[in-house]
Amino acid sequence: MRSFFGKYKLFAIVFSSISIIIMVLFYKALQPKTVLPIYQPSMVNPDLVDSTLQHVKKYHTIADFSLTNQNGKTITQKDYEGKIYIADFFFTTCPTICPIMTKNMAGIQEMIKDDDNVLLLSHSVTPVIDSVAQLKKYALEKGVNDAKWNLVTGDKKQIYELARKSYLAVKTDGDGGPFDMIHTENFILVDKERRIRGFYDGTKSEDIGKLMDDLKILEASYDE
């Protein structure tokens, strides 16, 4: 009897190991994969969506743009082609939420510094004040890595239209005129197809953590 069990001991061990592996793989296969939503204007709080877009249920993407960064370089959607990116809106003289947002964006920059798939994009909402020279000064003070993070200025109407009609990031109405002012804490996660995949409060550490978790999910979706 002992010789019988001894003879088949190795077989039993191998068979048991394979069975466990199969069960684990089967269990994992049954688990639903986490997929980020693709935000359309109709899915977002109407207060954040221009009235002309509130009915849109599909195909919403970030519009083409042409702005100038802290080095005087023209930045367009081509510079973000094939990249995931995180966008926000700020101004260099902001004394309230912007310093917190910039600090958190700098923290994100550190976490993605070796990730070639991800970039950052910060739009000035006071482009008349935030000249190229002012943005460069601010970039140096805040540790901006030019290869990862563009701070952009340019035509105010274009920036405000991007905020309201592309990124769906602003609660106030306006025309981008001299007396129009937007102020938003939103960070927006944008995928390689220029679609919005998440909104986060850029002043809250828990939202930054959620953003980084969602970024991993989004990146993994391109590896499948």
C-alpha atoms as a PDB file:
ATOM      1  CA  MET A   1       0.000   0.000   0.000  1.00  0.00           C
ATOM      2  CA  ARG A   2       2.822   2.394   0.895  1.00  0.00           C
ATOM      3  CA  SER A   3       4.540   1.672  -2.381  1.00  0.00           C
ATOM      4  CA  PHE A   4       1.285   2.426  -4.208  1.00  0.00           C
ATOM      5  CA  PHE A   5       0.923   5.847  -2.561  1.00  0.00           C
ATOM      6  CA  GLY A   6       4.610   6.553  -2.949  1.00  0.00           C
ATOM      7  CA  LYS A   7       4.385   5.788  -6.644  1.00  0.00           C
ATOM      8  CA  TYR A   8       1.591   8.278  -7.210  1.00  0.00           C
ATOM      9  CA  LYS A   9       2.629  10.940  -4.679  1.00  0.00           C
ATOM     10  CA  LEU A  10       4.374  13.125  -7.255  1.00  0.00           C
ATOM     11  CA  PHE A  11       1.418  12.805  -9.630  1.00  0.00           C
ATOM     12  CA  ALA A  12      -0.988  13.860  -6.865  1.00  0.00           C
ATOM     13  CA  ILE A  13       1.113  16.894  -5.966  1.00  0.00           C
ATOM     14  CA  VAL A  14       1.401  18.022  -9.598  1.00  0.00           C
ATOM     15  CA  PHE A  15      -2.291  17.401 -10.241  1.00  0.00           C
ATOM     16  CA  SER A  16      -3.288  19.375  -7.126  1.00  0.00           C
ATOM     17  CA  SER A  17      -1.017  22.273  -8.065  1.00  0.00           C
ATOM     18  CA  ILE A  18      -2.408  22.454 -11.608  1.00  0.00           C
ATOM     19  CA  SER A  19      -5.961  22.292 -10.244  1.00  0.00           C
ATOM     20  CA  ILE A  20      -5.322  25.208  -7.895  1.00  0.00           C
ATOM     21  CA  ILE A  21      -3.782  27.282 -10.685  1.00  0.00           C
ATOM     22  CA  ILE A  22      -6.730  26.561 -12.975  1.00  0.00           C
ATOM     23  CA  MET A  23      -9.195  27.519 -10.230  1.00  0.00           C
ATOM     24  CA  VAL A  24      -7.369  30.793  -9.545  1.00  0.00           C
ATOM     25  CA  LEU A  25      -7.257  31.675 -13.263  1.00  0.00           C
ATOM     26  CA  PHE A  26     -10.919  30.763 -13.661  1.00  0.00           C
ATOM     27  CA  TYR A  27     -11.846  32.926 -10.669  1.00  0.00           C
ATOM     28  CA  LYS A  28      -9.916  35.881 -12.061  1.00  0.00           C
ATOM     29  CA  ALA A  29     -11.526  35.443 -15.460  1.00  0.00           C
ATOM     30  CA  LEU A  30     -14.946  35.695 -13.851  1.00  0.00           C
ATOM     31  CA  GLN A  31     -14.131  38.971 -12.074  1.00  0.00           C
ATOM     32  CA  PRO A  32     -15.502  41.999 -13.945  1.00  0.00           C
ATOM     33  CA  LYS A  33     -12.764  44.281 -15.261  1.00  0.00           C
ATOM     34  CA  THR A  34     -12.758  47.846 -14.008  1.00  0.00           C
ATOM     35  CA  VAL A  35     -13.424  50.192 -16.923  1.00  0.00           C
ATOM     36  CA  LEU A  36     -13.438  53.969 -16.679  1.00  0.00           C
ATOM     37  CA  PRO A  37     -16.470  55.792 -18.077  1.00  0.00           C
ATOM     38  CA  ILE A  38     -16.147  57.884 -21.210  1.00  0.00           C
ATOM     39  CA  TYR A  39     -17.759  61.121 -20.136  1.00  0.00           C
ATOM     40  CA  GLN A  40     -20.226  62.768 -22.481  1.00  0.00           C
ATOM     41  CA  PRO A  41     -21.847  66.169 -21.855  1.00  0.00           C
ATOM     42  CA  SER A  42     -25.178  64.483 -21.122  1.00  0.00           C
ATOM     43  CA  MET A  43     -23.530  62.539 -18.250  1.00  0.00           C
ATOM     44  CA  VAL A  44     -22.103  65.599 -16.497  1.00  0.00           C
ATOM     45  CA  ASN A  45     -23.769  68.000 -14.055  1.00  0.00           C
ATOM     46  CA  PRO A  46     -25.712  70.409 -16.321  1.00  0.00           C
ATOM     47  CA  ASP A  47     -24.236  73.323 -14.357  1.00  0.00           C
ATOM     48  CA  LEU A  48     -20.865  72.382 -15.853  1.00  0.00           C
ATOM     49  CA  VAL A  49     -22.058  72.008 -19.442  1.00  0.00           C
ATOM     50  CA  ASP A  50     -22.767  74.701 -21.988  1.00  0.00           C
ATOM     51  CA  SER A  51     -26.445  74.687 -22.951  1.00  0.00           C
ATOM     52  CA  THR A  52     -25.535  73.930 -26.577  1.00  0.00           C
ATOM     53  CA  LEU A  53     -23.907  70.642 -25.511  1.00  0.00           C
ATOM     54  CA  GLN A  54     -26.185  69.254 -22.808  1.00  0.00           C
ATOM     55  CA  HIS A  55     -27.925  66.936 -25.268  1.00  0.00           C
ATOM     56  CA  VAL A  56     -24.688  65.364 -26.575  1.00  0.00           C
ATOM     57  CA  LYS A  57     -24.531  61.656 -25.674  1.00  0.00           C
ATOM     58  CA  LYS A  58     -21.551  60.427 -27.698  1.00  0.00           C
ATOM     59  CA  TYR A  59     -18.428  61.370 -29.623  1.00  0.00           C
ATOM     60  CA  HIS A  60     -17.435  64.255 -27.330  1.00  0.00           C
ATOM     61  CA  THR A  61     -13.705  65.006 -27.536  1.00  0.00           C
ATOM     62  CA  ILE A  62     -11.368  67.839 -26.625  1.00  0.00           C
ATOM     63  CA  ALA A  63     -11.335  70.429 -29.413  1.00  0.00           C
ATOM     64  CA  ASP A  64      -8.229  71.396 -31.390  1.00  0.00           C
ATOM     65  CA  PHE A  65      -6.222  74.172 -29.766  1.00  0.00           C
ATOM     66  CA  SER A  66      -3.158  76.338 -30.315  1.00  0.00           C
ATOM     67  CA  LEU A  67      -1.577  77.972 -27.260  1.00  0.00           C
ATOM     68  CA  THR A  68       1.879  79.060 -26.093  1.00  0.00           C
ATOM     69  CA  ASN A  69       3.856  77.414 -23.293  1.00  0.00           C
ATOM     70  CA  GLN A  70       6.354  78.661 -20.723  1.00  0.00           C
ATOM     71  CA  ASN A  71       9.170  78.443 -23.263  1.00  0.00           C
ATOM     72  CA  GLY A  72       7.383  80.407 -25.985  1.00  0.00           C
ATOM     73  CA  LYS A  73       6.656  77.235 -27.952  1.00  0.00           C
ATOM     74  CA  THR A  74       3.332  76.782 -29.733  1.00  0.00           C
ATOM     75  CA  ILE A  75       1.491  73.841 -28.178  1.00  0.00           C
ATOM     76  CA  THR A  76      -1.327  72.102 -30.045  1.00  0.00           C
ATOM     77  CA  GLN A  77      -3.231  68.852 -29.771  1.00  0.00           C
ATOM     78  CA  LYS A  78      -0.459  67.303 -31.879  1.00  0.00           C
ATOM     79  CA  ASP A  79       1.902  67.580 -28.909  1.00  0.00           C
ATOM     80  CA  TYR A  80      -0.489  65.322 -26.967  1.00  0.00           C
ATOM     81  CA  GLU A  81      -1.257  62.925 -29.784  1.00  0.00           C
ATOM     82  CA  GLY A  82      -1.134  59.310 -28.608  1.00  0.00           C
ATOM     83  CA  LYS A  83      -0.759  60.427 -24.979  1.00  0.00           C
ATOM     84  CA  ILE A  84      -2.887  60.292 -21.866  1.00  0.00           C
ATOM     85  CA  TYR A  85      -2.885  63.656 -20.131  1.00  0.00           C
ATOM     86  CA  ILE A  86      -4.161  65.505 -17.086  1.00  0.00           C
ATOM     87  CA  ALA A  87      -5.450  69.049 -17.597  1.00  0.00           C
ATOM     88  CA  ASP A  88      -6.368  71.914 -15.298  1.00  0.00           C
ATOM     89  CA  PHE A  89      -6.990  75.680 -15.240  1.00  0.00           C
ATOM     90  CA  PHE A  90      -5.069  78.078 -13.007  1.00  0.00           C
ATOM     91  CA  PHE A  91      -3.430  81.504 -12.808  1.00  0.00           C
ATOM     92  CA  THR A  92      -0.036  82.397 -11.414  1.00  0.00           C
ATOM     93  CA  THR A  93      -1.280  85.169  -9.111  1.00  0.00           C
ATOM     94  CA  CYS A  94      -4.057  83.075  -7.534  1.00  0.00           C
ATOM     95  CA  PRO A  95      -3.731  83.145  -3.723  1.00  0.00           C
ATOM     96  CA  THR A  96      -6.333  80.487  -2.882  1.00  0.00           C
ATOM     97  CA  ILE A  97      -6.788  77.104  -4.592  1.00  0.00           C
ATOM     98  CA  CYS A  98      -4.139  77.368  -7.324  1.00  0.00           C
ATOM     99  CA  PRO A  99      -1.072  76.945  -5.075  1.00  0.00           C
ATOM    100  CA  ILE A 100      -2.586  73.720  -3.720  1.00  0.00           C
ATOM    101  CA  MET A 101      -3.473  72.531  -7.211  1.00  0.00           C
ATOM    102  CA  THR A 102       0.004  73.312  -8.525  1.00  0.00           C
ATOM    103  CA  LYS A 103       1.612  71.500  -5.597  1.00  0.00           C
ATOM    104  CA  ASN A 104      -0.565  68.448  -6.274  1.00  0.00           C
ATOM    105  CA  MET A 105       0.142  68.587 -10.008  1.00  0.00           C
ATOM    106  CA  ALA A 106       3.854  68.725  -9.200  1.00  0.00           C
ATOM    107  CA  GLY A 107       3.352  65.611  -7.077  1.00  0.00           C
ATOM    108  CA  ILE A 108       1.692  63.884 -10.031  1.00  0.00           C
ATOM    109  CA  GLN A 109       4.585  65.000 -12.230  1.00  0.00           C
ATOM    110  CA  GLU A 110       6.984  63.232  -9.876  1.00  0.00           C
ATOM    111  CA  MET A 111       4.905  60.037  -9.991  1.00  0.00           C
ATOM    112  CA  ILE A 112       4.758  59.979 -13.811  1.00  0.00           C
ATOM    113  CA  LYS A 113       8.281  61.241 -14.520  1.00  0.00           C
ATOM    114  CA  ASP A 114       9.355  57.913 -16.029  1.00  0.00           C
ATOM    115  CA  ASP A 115       6.029  57.188 -17.753  1.00  0.00           C
ATOM    116  CA  ASP A 116       6.257  58.130 -21.427  1.00  0.00           C
ATOM    117  CA  ASN A 117       2.505  57.684 -21.893  1.00  0.00           C
ATOM    118  CA  VAL A 118       1.393  60.546 -19.643  1.00  0.00           C
ATOM    119  CA  LEU A 119       1.706  64.359 -19.861  1.00  0.00           C
ATOM    120  CA  LEU A 120       0.301  67.370 -18.002  1.00  0.00           C
ATOM    121  CA  LEU A 121      -1.371  70.530 -19.339  1.00  0.00           C
ATOM    122  CA  SER A 122      -2.219  73.636 -17.280  1.00  0.00           C
ATOM    123  CA  HIS A 123      -4.134  76.515 -18.887  1.00  0.00           C
ATOM    124  CA  SER A 124      -3.844  80.071 -17.561  1.00  0.00           C
ATOM    125  CA  VAL A 125      -7.224  81.743 -17.068  1.00  0.00           C
ATOM    126  CA  THR A 126      -5.578  85.180 -16.885  1.00  0.00           C
ATOM    127  CA  PRO A 127      -3.545  85.080 -20.107  1.00  0.00           C
ATOM    128  CA  VAL A 128      -3.128  88.868 -20.203  1.00  0.00           C
ATOM    129  CA  ILE A 129      -1.211  88.690 -16.916  1.00  0.00           C
ATOM    130  CA  ASP A 130       0.386  85.294 -17.515  1.00  0.00           C
ATOM    131  CA  SER A 131       2.825  86.117 -20.278  1.00  0.00           C
ATOM    132  CA  VAL A 132       5.434  83.614 -21.429  1.00  0.00           C
ATOM    133  CA  ALA A 133       7.968  85.264 -19.105  1.00  0.00           C
ATOM    134  CA  GLN A 134       5.565  85.053 -16.150  1.00  0.00           C
ATOM    135  CA  LEU A 135       4.809  81.394 -16.870  1.00  0.00           C
ATOM    136  CA  LYS A 136       8.526  80.624 -17.125  1.00  0.00           C
ATOM    137  CA  LYS A 137       9.198  82.277 -13.772  1.00  0.00           C
ATOM    138  CA  TYR A 138       6.340  80.328 -12.212  1.00  0.00           C
ATOM    139  CA  ALA A 139       7.516  77.086 -13.829  1.00  0.00           C
ATOM    140  CA  LEU A 140      10.995  77.487 -12.390  1.00  0.00           C
ATOM    141  CA  GLU A 141       9.604  78.265  -8.936  1.00  0.00           C
ATOM    142  CA  LYS A 142       7.304  75.230  -8.948  1.00  0.00           C
ATOM    143  CA  GLY A 143       9.747  72.707 -10.402  1.00  0.00           C
ATOM    144  CA  VAL A 144       7.968  72.191 -13.710  1.00  0.00           C
ATOM    145  CA  ASN A 145       9.630  69.624 -15.981  1.00  0.00           C
ATOM    146  CA  ASP A 146       9.287  71.047 -19.502  1.00  0.00           C
ATOM    147  CA  ALA A 147       9.277  67.555 -21.003  1.00  0.00           C
ATOM    148  CA  LYS A 148       6.220  66.514 -18.966  1.00  0.00           C
ATOM    149  CA  TRP A 149       4.230  69.629 -18.184  1.00  0.00           C
ATOM    150  CA  ASN A 150       3.125  72.572 -20.323  1.00  0.00           C
ATOM    151  CA  LEU A 151       1.814  75.757 -18.729  1.00  0.00           C
ATOM    152  CA  VAL A 152      -0.023  77.541 -21.540  1.00  0.00           C
ATOM    153  CA  THR A 153      -1.271  81.033 -22.251  1.00  0.00           C
ATOM    154  CA  GLY A 154      -2.888  82.542 -25.330  1.00  0.00           C
ATOM    155  CA  ASP A 155      -6.231  83.790 -26.565  1.00  0.00           C
ATOM    156  CA  LYS A 156      -8.593  84.143 -23.609  1.00  0.00           C
ATOM    157  CA  LYS A 157     -11.715  83.275 -25.587  1.00  0.00           C
ATOM    158  CA  GLN A 158     -10.105  80.069 -26.812  1.00  0.00           C
ATOM    159  CA  ILE A 159      -9.007  79.017 -23.313  1.00  0.00           C
ATOM    160  CA  TYR A 160     -12.409  79.762 -21.814  1.00  0.00           C
ATOM    161  CA  GLU A 161     -14.206  77.908 -24.595  1.00  0.00           C
ATOM    162  CA  LEU A 162     -11.942  74.911 -23.989  1.00  0.00           C
ATOM    163  CA  ALA A 163     -12.780  75.013 -20.272  1.00  0.00           C
ATOM    164  CA  ARG A 164     -16.508  75.263 -20.840  1.00  0.00           C
ATOM    165  CA  LYS A 165     -17.157  73.315 -24.033  1.00  0.00           C
ATOM    166  CA  SER A 166     -14.327  70.767 -24.185  1.00  0.00           C
ATOM    167  CA  TYR A 167     -13.228  69.954 -20.627  1.00  0.00           C
ATOM    168  CA  LEU A 168     -16.664  70.613 -19.046  1.00  0.00           C
ATOM    169  CA  ALA A 169     -14.814  72.003 -16.052  1.00  0.00           C
ATOM    170  CA  VAL A 170     -16.498  75.299 -15.193  1.00  0.00           C
ATOM    171  CA  LYS A 171     -19.786  76.102 -13.482  1.00  0.00           C
ATOM    172  CA  THR A 172     -20.126  79.729 -14.597  1.00  0.00           C
ATOM    173  CA  ASP A 173     -21.402  81.114 -17.892  1.00  0.00           C
ATOM    174  CA  GLY A 174     -19.442  83.707 -19.833  1.00  0.00           C
ATOM    175  CA  ASP A 175     -18.050  84.822 -23.163  1.00  0.00           C
ATOM    176  CA  GLY A 176     -14.308  84.940 -22.474  1.00  0.00           C
ATOM    177  CA  GLY A 177     -14.446  88.737 -22.524  1.00  0.00           C
ATOM    178  CA  PRO A 178     -12.417  91.208 -20.424  1.00  0.00           C
ATOM    179  CA  PHE A 179     -14.651  90.816 -17.353  1.00  0.00           C
ATOM    180  CA  ASP A 180     -15.164  87.057 -17.615  1.00  0.00           C
ATOM    181  CA  MET A 181     -13.331  84.989 -14.997  1.00  0.00           C
ATOM    182  CA  ILE A 182     -13.325  81.261 -14.354  1.00  0.00           C
ATOM    183  CA  HIS A 183     -11.970  79.543 -11.270  1.00  0.00           C
ATOM    184  CA  THR A 184     -12.110  75.762 -11.021  1.00  0.00           C
ATOM    185  CA  GLU A 185     -10.381  73.143  -8.899  1.00  0.00           C
ATOM    186  CA  ASN A 186     -11.036  70.374 -11.427  1.00  0.00           C
ATOM    187  CA  PHE A 187      -8.312  68.109 -12.771  1.00  0.00           C
ATOM    188  CA  ILE A 188      -9.465  66.299 -15.919  1.00  0.00           C
ATOM    189  CA  LEU A 189      -8.128  62.939 -17.097  1.00  0.00           C
ATOM    190  CA  VAL A 190      -8.032  62.714 -20.905  1.00  0.00           C
ATOM    191  CA  ASP A 191      -7.293  59.534 -22.860  1.00  0.00           C
ATOM    192  CA  LYS A 192      -5.304  59.007 -26.065  1.00  0.00           C
ATOM    193  CA  GLU A 193      -8.433  59.580 -28.119  1.00  0.00           C
ATOM    194  CA  ARG A 194      -8.981  63.008 -26.468  1.00  0.00           C
ATOM    195  CA  ARG A 195     -11.981  61.758 -24.470  1.00  0.00           C
ATOM    196  CA  ILE A 196     -12.674  62.704 -20.849  1.00  0.00           C
ATOM    197  CA  ARG A 197     -12.270  59.725 -18.496  1.00  0.00           C
ATOM    198  CA  GLY A 198     -12.468  61.378 -15.084  1.00  0.00           C
ATOM    199  CA  PHE A 199     -12.933  64.537 -13.000  1.00  0.00           C
ATOM    200  CA  TYR A 200     -11.076  65.135  -9.717  1.00  0.00           C
ATOM    201  CA  ASP A 201     -10.799  67.886  -7.118  1.00  0.00           C
ATOM    202  CA  GLY A 202      -7.217  69.052  -7.513  1.00  0.00           C
ATOM    203  CA  THR A 203      -7.136  70.414  -3.966  1.00  0.00           C
ATOM    204  CA  LYS A 204      -7.927  67.108  -2.234  1.00  0.00           C
ATOM    205  CA  SER A 205      -5.334  64.400  -1.592  1.00  0.00           C
ATOM    206  CA  GLU A 206      -7.957  61.639  -1.713  1.00  0.00           C
ATOM    207  CA  ASP A 207      -9.003  62.759  -5.199  1.00  0.00           C
ATOM    208  CA  ILE A 208      -5.376  62.775  -6.322  1.00  0.00           C
ATOM    209  CA  GLY A 209      -5.107  59.191  -5.086  1.00  0.00           C
ATOM    210  CA  LYS A 210      -8.244  58.275  -7.039  1.00  0.00           C
ATOM    211  CA  LEU A 211      -6.813  59.991 -10.127  1.00  0.00           C
ATOM    212  CA  MET A 212      -3.620  57.943  -9.918  1.00  0.00           C
ATOM    213  CA  ASP A 213      -5.623  54.727  -9.486  1.00  0.00           C
ATOM    214  CA  ASP A 214      -7.757  55.612 -12.506  1.00  0.00           C
ATOM    215  CA  LEU A 215      -4.651  56.443 -14.505  1.00  0.00           C
ATOM    216  CA  LYS A 216      -3.352  52.907 -13.904  1.00  0.00           C
ATOM    217  CA  ILE A 217      -6.691  51.459 -15.040  1.00  0.00           C
ATOM    218  CA  LEU A 218      -6.666  53.609 -18.172  1.00  0.00           C
ATOM    219  CA  GLU A 219      -3.091  52.685 -19.044  1.00  0.00           C
ATOM    220  CA  ALA A 220      -3.826  48.988 -18.533  1.00  0.00           C
ATOM    221  CA  SER A 221      -6.741  49.229 -20.984  1.00  0.00           C
ATOM    222  CA  TYR A 222      -4.256  50.027 -23.767  1.00  0.00           C
ATOM    223  CA  ASP A 223      -2.230  46.904 -23.010  1.00  0.00           C
ATOM    224  CA  GLU A 224      -5.121  44.503 -23.523  1.00  0.00           C
END
